[in-house]
Amino acid sequence: MNIDDQRVAAHPFLDALYRDGWYPDRAVDLGKEILLRLCARIEADRPADLAALYVLTQAATEEFNDLQDEDFDIETVAREEIAAEFWFIAQAYGFEDADVEELIATRDW
């Protein structure tokens, strides 16, 4: 997956979860892939406004919902880290007014 925005391409997505032994790397890898796919969708579709961005971020949030299982529980630390990544993505693509809670409104974690 090719990300054109160099700041986004160089960003260490979910780095805190990789450093924390509690989270299996395979699950964190899948989460990172979700975030990178979101970035690729934003670059490809160029959402015209916040409402269009929220459609994309909430779809990615649904993917995180599906990622949870007995080996990967999205609890407080992961929840905060994932939310911060969605916020970073919104900011990086020029959506400074995005509401982090709306970005991840469809979460069940």
N, C-alpha and C. Protein backbone atom coordinates (compact mmCIF):
# COMPACT_ATOMS: atom_id res chain seq x y z
N MET A 1 0.85 -1.16 0.00
CA MET A 1 0.00 0.00 0.00
C MET A 1 0.91 1.23 0.00
N ASN A 2 0.68 2.09 -0.97
CA ASN A 2 1.52 3.26 -1.13
C ASN A 2 0.84 4.49 -0.52
N ILE A 3 1.55 5.11 0.41
CA ILE A 3 1.06 6.34 1.05
C ILE A 3 1.90 7.49 0.51
N ASP A 4 1.27 8.48 -0.09
CA ASP A 4 1.99 9.60 -0.69
C ASP A 4 2.46 10.62 0.33
N ASP A 5 1.65 10.87 1.35
CA ASP A 5 2.03 11.86 2.36
C ASP A 5 3.21 11.33 3.17
N GLN A 6 4.35 11.97 3.04
CA GLN A 6 5.58 11.48 3.68
C GLN A 6 5.50 11.50 5.20
N ARG A 7 4.82 12.48 5.78
CA ARG A 7 4.67 12.53 7.24
C ARG A 7 3.89 11.30 7.71
N VAL A 8 2.86 10.96 7.00
CA VAL A 8 2.05 9.79 7.35
C VAL A 8 2.83 8.50 7.09
N ALA A 9 3.51 8.43 5.96
CA ALA A 9 4.27 7.22 5.61
C ALA A 9 5.36 6.93 6.65
N ALA A 10 5.92 7.96 7.24
CA ALA A 10 7.00 7.78 8.22
C ALA A 10 6.49 7.62 9.65
N HIS A 11 5.21 7.80 9.86
CA HIS A 11 4.65 7.74 11.22
C HIS A 11 4.70 6.32 11.78
N PRO A 12 5.16 6.16 13.02
CA PRO A 12 5.23 4.82 13.63
C PRO A 12 3.88 4.42 14.25
N PHE A 13 2.94 4.04 13.42
CA PHE A 13 1.60 3.71 13.89
C PHE A 13 1.64 2.63 14.97
N LEU A 14 0.89 2.86 16.04
CA LEU A 14 0.68 1.94 17.15
C LEU A 14 1.99 1.53 17.84
N ASP A 15 2.96 2.39 17.78
CA ASP A 15 4.28 2.10 18.36
C ASP A 15 4.20 1.71 19.83
N ALA A 16 3.38 2.40 20.60
CA ALA A 16 3.27 2.09 22.04
C ALA A 16 2.74 0.68 22.26
N LEU A 17 1.89 0.20 21.38
CA LEU A 17 1.36 -1.16 21.53
C LEU A 17 2.41 -2.21 21.17
N TYR A 18 3.25 -1.89 20.19
CA TYR A 18 4.35 -2.80 19.86
C TYR A 18 5.33 -2.91 21.02
N ARG A 19 5.57 -1.81 21.71
CA ARG A 19 6.53 -1.80 22.82
C ARG A 19 5.98 -2.45 24.09
N ASP A 20 4.67 -2.56 24.18
CA ASP A 20 4.02 -3.13 25.37
C ASP A 20 3.81 -4.63 25.12
N GLY A 21 4.42 -5.46 25.90
CA GLY A 21 4.34 -6.91 25.72
C GLY A 21 2.96 -7.51 25.86
N TRP A 22 2.01 -6.76 26.33
CA TRP A 22 0.65 -7.25 26.53
C TRP A 22 -0.06 -7.56 25.21
N TYR A 23 0.28 -6.82 24.16
CA TYR A 23 -0.43 -6.94 22.89
C TYR A 23 0.34 -7.81 21.91
N PRO A 24 -0.30 -8.82 21.34
CA PRO A 24 0.39 -9.68 20.38
C PRO A 24 0.74 -8.88 19.11
N ASP A 25 1.97 -9.02 18.65
CA ASP A 25 2.41 -8.28 17.47
C ASP A 25 1.52 -8.55 16.27
N ARG A 26 1.04 -9.77 16.12
CA ARG A 26 0.20 -10.09 14.95
C ARG A 26 -1.08 -9.26 14.97
N ALA A 27 -1.65 -9.02 16.14
CA ALA A 27 -2.86 -8.20 16.25
C ALA A 27 -2.53 -6.74 16.00
N VAL A 28 -1.41 -6.28 16.53
CA VAL A 28 -1.00 -4.89 16.32
C VAL A 28 -0.69 -4.66 14.84
N ASP A 29 -0.07 -5.65 14.20
CA ASP A 29 0.19 -5.56 12.76
C ASP A 29 -1.11 -5.37 11.98
N LEU A 30 -2.13 -6.12 12.35
CA LEU A 30 -3.43 -5.99 11.68
C LEU A 30 -4.03 -4.61 11.92
N GLY A 31 -3.87 -4.09 13.13
CA GLY A 31 -4.36 -2.74 13.43
C GLY A 31 -3.62 -1.69 12.61
N LYS A 32 -2.32 -1.85 12.49
CA LYS A 32 -1.53 -0.92 11.67
C LYS A 32 -1.99 -0.97 10.22
N GLU A 33 -2.27 -2.17 9.71
CA GLU A 33 -2.77 -2.31 8.34
C GLU A 33 -4.10 -1.58 8.15
N ILE A 34 -4.97 -1.65 9.16
CA ILE A 34 -6.25 -0.94 9.09
C ILE A 34 -5.99 0.56 8.95
N LEU A 35 -5.10 1.09 9.75
CA LEU A 35 -4.80 2.52 9.71
C LEU A 35 -4.16 2.92 8.38
N LEU A 36 -3.27 2.10 7.86
CA LEU A 36 -2.65 2.41 6.57
C LEU A 36 -3.66 2.35 5.43
N ARG A 37 -4.59 1.39 5.50
CA ARG A 37 -5.66 1.33 4.48
C ARG A 37 -6.52 2.58 4.56
N LEU A 38 -6.79 3.04 5.78
CA LEU A 38 -7.57 4.27 5.96
C LEU A 38 -6.84 5.43 5.29
N CYS A 39 -5.55 5.55 5.52
CA CYS A 39 -4.77 6.63 4.90
C CYS A 39 -4.84 6.54 3.38
N ALA A 40 -4.69 5.34 2.84
CA ALA A 40 -4.76 5.15 1.39
C ALA A 40 -6.14 5.55 0.86
N ARG A 41 -7.20 5.22 1.60
CA ARG A 41 -8.56 5.60 1.17
C ARG A 41 -8.72 7.12 1.19
N ILE A 42 -8.19 7.76 2.22
CA ILE A 42 -8.29 9.22 2.29
C ILE A 42 -7.54 9.85 1.12
N GLU A 43 -6.36 9.34 0.81
CA GLU A 43 -5.60 9.89 -0.31
C GLU A 43 -6.30 9.63 -1.64
N ALA A 44 -6.92 8.48 -1.79
CA ALA A 44 -7.60 8.14 -3.04
C ALA A 44 -8.92 8.88 -3.21
N ASP A 45 -9.68 8.97 -2.12
CA ASP A 45 -11.03 9.54 -2.21
C ASP A 45 -11.10 11.03 -1.87
N ARG A 46 -10.08 11.56 -1.22
CA ARG A 46 -10.04 12.97 -0.82
C ARG A 46 -11.39 13.46 -0.31
N PRO A 47 -11.76 13.07 0.92
CA PRO A 47 -13.05 13.49 1.46
C PRO A 47 -13.22 15.00 1.39
N ALA A 48 -14.38 15.44 0.96
CA ALA A 48 -14.65 16.86 0.75
C ALA A 48 -14.89 17.61 2.05
N ASP A 49 -15.33 16.88 3.07
CA ASP A 49 -15.66 17.54 4.33
C ASP A 49 -15.56 16.53 5.47
N LEU A 50 -15.84 17.02 6.68
CA LEU A 50 -15.76 16.14 7.86
C LEU A 50 -16.72 14.97 7.76
N ALA A 51 -17.91 15.20 7.26
CA ALA A 51 -18.89 14.12 7.17
C ALA A 51 -18.34 12.97 6.31
N ALA A 52 -17.70 13.31 5.20
CA ALA A 52 -17.12 12.29 4.33
C ALA A 52 -15.94 11.60 5.01
N LEU A 53 -15.14 12.36 5.75
CA LEU A 53 -14.04 11.76 6.50
C LEU A 53 -14.57 10.79 7.54
N TYR A 54 -15.62 11.18 8.26
CA TYR A 54 -16.19 10.33 9.30
C TYR A 54 -16.68 8.99 8.73
N VAL A 55 -17.21 9.00 7.53
CA VAL A 55 -17.63 7.75 6.90
C VAL A 55 -16.44 6.80 6.78
N LEU A 56 -15.31 7.34 6.34
CA LEU A 56 -14.11 6.52 6.17
C LEU A 56 -13.54 6.06 7.51
N THR A 57 -13.45 6.96 8.48
CA THR A 57 -12.85 6.59 9.77
C THR A 57 -13.75 5.62 10.54
N GLN A 58 -15.04 5.79 10.43
CA GLN A 58 -15.94 4.89 11.14
C GLN A 58 -15.93 3.50 10.51
N ALA A 59 -15.72 3.42 9.21
CA ALA A 59 -15.57 2.10 8.57
C ALA A 59 -14.29 1.42 9.08
N ALA A 60 -13.22 2.19 9.22
CA ALA A 60 -11.97 1.64 9.76
C ALA A 60 -12.16 1.22 11.22
N THR A 61 -12.95 1.99 11.97
CA THR A 61 -13.24 1.65 13.36
C THR A 61 -13.97 0.31 13.44
N GLU A 62 -14.87 0.07 12.50
CA GLU A 62 -15.57 -1.22 12.44
C GLU A 62 -14.57 -2.36 12.25
N GLU A 63 -13.52 -2.12 11.47
CA GLU A 63 -12.49 -3.14 11.28
C GLU A 63 -11.77 -3.42 12.61
N PHE A 64 -11.52 -2.38 13.40
CA PHE A 64 -10.93 -2.60 14.72
C PHE A 64 -11.89 -3.38 15.61
N ASN A 65 -13.18 -3.10 15.52
CA ASN A 65 -14.16 -3.87 16.29
C ASN A 65 -14.02 -5.36 15.98
N ASP A 66 -13.86 -5.68 14.71
CA ASP A 66 -13.76 -7.08 14.28
C ASP A 66 -12.44 -7.71 14.68
N LEU A 67 -11.44 -6.90 14.95
CA LEU A 67 -10.11 -7.39 15.31
C LEU A 67 -10.06 -7.98 16.72
N GLN A 68 -10.97 -7.54 17.57
CA GLN A 68 -10.96 -8.02 18.96
C GLN A 68 -11.30 -9.50 19.03
N ASP A 69 -10.55 -10.20 19.86
CA ASP A 69 -10.84 -11.60 20.14
C ASP A 69 -10.25 -11.95 21.50
N GLU A 70 -10.17 -13.23 21.79
CA GLU A 70 -9.68 -13.63 23.11
C GLU A 70 -8.20 -13.29 23.30
N ASP A 71 -7.46 -13.10 22.20
CA ASP A 71 -6.04 -12.76 22.30
C ASP A 71 -5.77 -11.26 22.26
N PHE A 72 -6.74 -10.49 21.82
CA PHE A 72 -6.53 -9.06 21.67
C PHE A 72 -7.77 -8.31 22.13
N ASP A 73 -7.68 -7.77 23.31
CA ASP A 73 -8.77 -6.99 23.89
C ASP A 73 -8.37 -5.52 23.83
N ILE A 74 -9.21 -4.71 23.22
CA ILE A 74 -8.91 -3.28 23.12
C ILE A 74 -9.38 -2.63 24.41
N GLU A 75 -8.46 -2.55 25.36
CA GLU A 75 -8.75 -1.94 26.65
C GLU A 75 -8.17 -0.54 26.70
N THR A 76 -8.06 0.05 27.87
CA THR A 76 -7.75 1.47 28.02
C THR A 76 -6.51 1.93 27.27
N VAL A 77 -5.39 1.26 27.44
CA VAL A 77 -4.15 1.69 26.77
C VAL A 77 -4.32 1.63 25.26
N ALA A 78 -4.81 0.52 24.75
CA ALA A 78 -5.00 0.37 23.31
C ALA A 78 -6.04 1.36 22.79
N ARG A 79 -7.11 1.53 23.54
CA ARG A 79 -8.17 2.46 23.15
C ARG A 79 -7.60 3.87 22.94
N GLU A 80 -6.80 4.32 23.90
CA GLU A 80 -6.21 5.66 23.81
C GLU A 80 -5.23 5.76 22.64
N GLU A 81 -4.43 4.73 22.46
CA GLU A 81 -3.44 4.73 21.37
C GLU A 81 -4.14 4.74 20.01
N ILE A 82 -5.15 3.92 19.85
CA ILE A 82 -5.87 3.85 18.57
C ILE A 82 -6.57 5.18 18.30
N ALA A 83 -7.23 5.73 19.30
CA ALA A 83 -7.90 7.02 19.13
C ALA A 83 -6.90 8.10 18.72
N ALA A 84 -5.72 8.10 19.35
CA ALA A 84 -4.69 9.08 19.01
C ALA A 84 -4.23 8.93 17.56
N GLU A 85 -4.20 7.70 17.06
CA GLU A 85 -3.80 7.48 15.67
C GLU A 85 -4.85 8.02 14.71
N PHE A 86 -6.11 7.81 15.02
CA PHE A 86 -7.17 8.39 14.19
C PHE A 86 -7.08 9.92 14.19
N TRP A 87 -6.81 10.50 15.34
CA TRP A 87 -6.65 11.95 15.46
C TRP A 87 -5.46 12.42 14.62
N PHE A 88 -4.33 11.71 14.71
CA PHE A 88 -3.15 12.05 13.91
C PHE A 88 -3.50 12.04 12.42
N ILE A 89 -4.19 11.01 11.98
CA ILE A 89 -4.55 10.89 10.57
C ILE A 89 -5.42 12.07 10.13
N ALA A 90 -6.43 12.39 10.91
CA ALA A 90 -7.30 13.51 10.56
C ALA A 90 -6.50 14.80 10.45
N GLN A 91 -5.63 15.04 11.41
CA GLN A 91 -4.80 16.25 11.41
C GLN A 91 -3.86 16.27 10.20
N ALA A 92 -3.23 15.14 9.93
CA ALA A 92 -2.26 15.05 8.83
C ALA A 92 -2.90 15.35 7.48
N TYR A 93 -4.17 15.01 7.33
CA TYR A 93 -4.85 15.24 6.06
C TYR A 93 -5.68 16.52 6.05
N GLY A 94 -5.42 17.40 7.02
CA GLY A 94 -6.01 18.73 6.99
C GLY A 94 -7.36 18.89 7.65
N PHE A 95 -7.79 17.92 8.43
CA PHE A 95 -9.08 18.00 9.10
C PHE A 95 -8.87 18.37 10.57
N GLU A 96 -8.36 19.59 10.79
CA GLU A 96 -8.03 20.05 12.13
C GLU A 96 -9.24 20.15 13.05
N ASP A 97 -10.43 20.31 12.49
CA ASP A 97 -11.64 20.44 13.30
C ASP A 97 -12.32 19.10 13.60
N ALA A 98 -11.70 18.02 13.22
CA ALA A 98 -12.31 16.70 13.45
C ALA A 98 -12.47 16.43 14.94
N ASP A 99 -13.56 15.81 15.29
CA ASP A 99 -13.85 15.42 16.66
C ASP A 99 -13.41 13.96 16.81
N VAL A 100 -12.47 13.73 17.71
CA VAL A 100 -11.92 12.37 17.85
C VAL A 100 -13.00 11.36 18.20
N GLU A 101 -13.98 11.76 18.99
CA GLU A 101 -15.06 10.82 19.34
C GLU A 101 -15.92 10.49 18.12
N GLU A 102 -16.09 11.44 17.23
CA GLU A 102 -16.86 11.19 16.02
C GLU A 102 -16.05 10.34 15.03
N LEU A 103 -14.73 10.53 15.02
CA LEU A 103 -13.88 9.72 14.15
C LEU A 103 -14.06 8.24 14.44
N ILE A 104 -14.23 7.89 15.71
CA ILE A 104 -14.31 6.49 16.14
C ILE A 104 -15.68 6.16 16.76
N ALA A 105 -16.70 6.86 16.31
CA ALA A 105 -18.03 6.74 16.93
C ALA A 105 -18.60 5.34 16.88
N THR A 106 -18.20 4.54 15.92
CA THR A 106 -18.77 3.20 15.79
C THR A 106 -18.02 2.15 16.60
N ARG A 107 -17.13 2.57 17.45
CA ARG A 107 -16.32 1.61 18.22
C ARG A 107 -17.17 0.87 19.26
N ASP A 108 -16.76 -0.35 19.54
CA ASP A 108 -17.37 -1.10 20.66
C ASP A 108 -16.28 -1.51 21.64
N TRP A 109 -15.28 -0.66 21.77
CA TRP A 109 -14.18 -0.88 22.69
C TRP A 109 -13.96 0.35 23.52
